[in-house]
Amino acid sequence: MSATNPARDVISWSVQERLLEYIRTKHQAEIVYHDPSGQVMIVHEVIQNILSRAGHDFLVLGTGTVLGVERVLMVDGLELTKQ
């Protein structure tokens, strides 16, 4: 983490509201993220839940995959966090 690259670990309020609507409606979303090896992954999945632990947000996908939001680039073309 530096001044030019702040931590990206909390979802913005407006995006969180949209994701909560996806959870309520079981809307399938296109999720673009970095896997643990740094490869860009694109999946189409239902978002089951948003978890917050110790100031850090996570997405729980329908397959049970848990992604820290710092790894998620976009959901349906929306950036999750401010850069």
Protein backbone atom coordinates (compact mmCIF):
# COMPACT_ATOMS: atom_id res chain seq x y z
CA MET A 1 0.00 0.00 0.00
CA SER A 2 1.27 3.45 -0.91
CA ALA A 3 -0.10 6.92 -1.59
CA THR A 4 -0.39 6.12 -5.29
CA ASN A 5 -1.94 2.68 -4.73
CA PRO A 6 -4.27 2.75 -1.70
CA ALA A 7 -5.74 -0.41 -0.24
CA ARG A 8 -8.89 -1.53 -2.04
CA ASP A 9 -10.71 -3.52 0.58
CA VAL A 10 -14.06 -1.82 1.16
CA ILE A 11 -16.99 -1.66 -1.27
CA SER A 12 -18.41 1.80 -1.93
CA TRP A 13 -21.89 2.36 -0.52
CA SER A 14 -23.62 2.87 -3.90
CA VAL A 15 -22.10 -0.31 -5.36
CA GLN A 16 -22.93 -2.23 -2.18
CA GLU A 17 -26.60 -1.25 -2.58
CA ARG A 18 -26.59 -2.60 -6.14
CA LEU A 19 -24.93 -5.84 -5.04
CA LEU A 20 -27.52 -6.29 -2.30
CA GLU A 21 -30.19 -6.05 -5.00
CA TYR A 22 -28.33 -8.77 -6.97
CA ILE A 23 -28.37 -10.94 -3.84
CA ARG A 24 -32.11 -10.38 -3.27
CA THR A 25 -33.01 -11.18 -6.89
CA LYS A 26 -30.36 -13.90 -7.40
CA HIS A 27 -29.15 -11.97 -10.45
CA GLN A 28 -26.27 -13.66 -12.27
CA ALA A 29 -23.38 -11.22 -12.64
CA GLU A 30 -20.19 -11.09 -14.66
CA ILE A 31 -17.37 -10.91 -12.12
CA VAL A 32 -13.83 -9.99 -13.20
CA TYR A 33 -11.13 -10.66 -10.61
CA HIS A 34 -7.51 -11.66 -10.08
CA ASP A 35 -6.98 -15.24 -8.92
CA PRO A 36 -4.25 -15.98 -6.33
CA SER A 37 -1.63 -16.31 -9.09
CA GLY A 38 -2.55 -12.90 -10.53
CA GLN A 39 -4.38 -14.17 -13.61
CA VAL A 40 -7.49 -12.24 -14.64
CA MET A 41 -10.57 -14.45 -14.31
CA ILE A 42 -14.07 -13.82 -15.66
CA VAL A 43 -16.97 -15.79 -14.21
CA HIS A 44 -20.74 -15.56 -14.47
CA GLU A 45 -22.17 -16.36 -11.07
CA VAL A 46 -24.80 -15.44 -8.53
CA ILE A 47 -23.51 -13.41 -5.58
CA GLN A 48 -24.74 -15.11 -2.40
CA ASN A 49 -23.56 -12.63 0.22
CA ILE A 50 -21.31 -9.72 1.16
CA LEU A 51 -19.23 -10.24 4.28
CA SER A 52 -17.39 -7.59 6.28
CA ARG A 53 -14.69 -8.62 8.71
CA ALA A 54 -12.21 -6.31 10.44
CA GLY A 55 -12.72 -3.49 7.93
CA HIS A 56 -12.39 -5.78 4.92
CA ASP A 57 -15.21 -6.78 2.52
CA PHE A 58 -15.64 -10.12 0.76
CA LEU A 59 -18.02 -11.45 -1.88
CA VAL A 60 -19.40 -14.96 -1.47
CA LEU A 61 -20.28 -16.47 -4.84
CA GLY A 62 -22.88 -19.13 -5.55
CA THR A 63 -20.20 -21.80 -5.85
CA GLY A 64 -18.94 -21.00 -2.33
CA THR A 65 -15.90 -19.09 -3.57
CA VAL A 66 -15.01 -16.19 -1.27
CA LEU A 67 -13.25 -13.24 -2.89
CA GLY A 68 -11.63 -10.35 -1.03
CA VAL A 69 -12.82 -7.22 -2.82
CA GLU A 70 -9.22 -6.09 -3.39
CA ARG A 71 -9.04 -8.93 -5.94
CA VAL A 72 -12.31 -8.02 -7.68
CA LEU A 73 -11.92 -5.63 -10.59
CA MET A 74 -15.55 -5.34 -11.73
CA VAL A 75 -19.05 -6.72 -11.32
CA ASP A 76 -21.19 -6.21 -14.43
CA GLY A 77 -18.84 -3.44 -15.53
CA LEU A 78 -18.91 -1.60 -12.19
CA GLU A 79 -15.76 -1.08 -10.13
CA LEU A 80 -16.34 -2.27 -6.58
CA THR A 81 -13.90 -0.01 -4.79
CA LYS A 82 -12.38 3.40 -5.30
CA GLN A 83 -8.85 3.37 -6.61
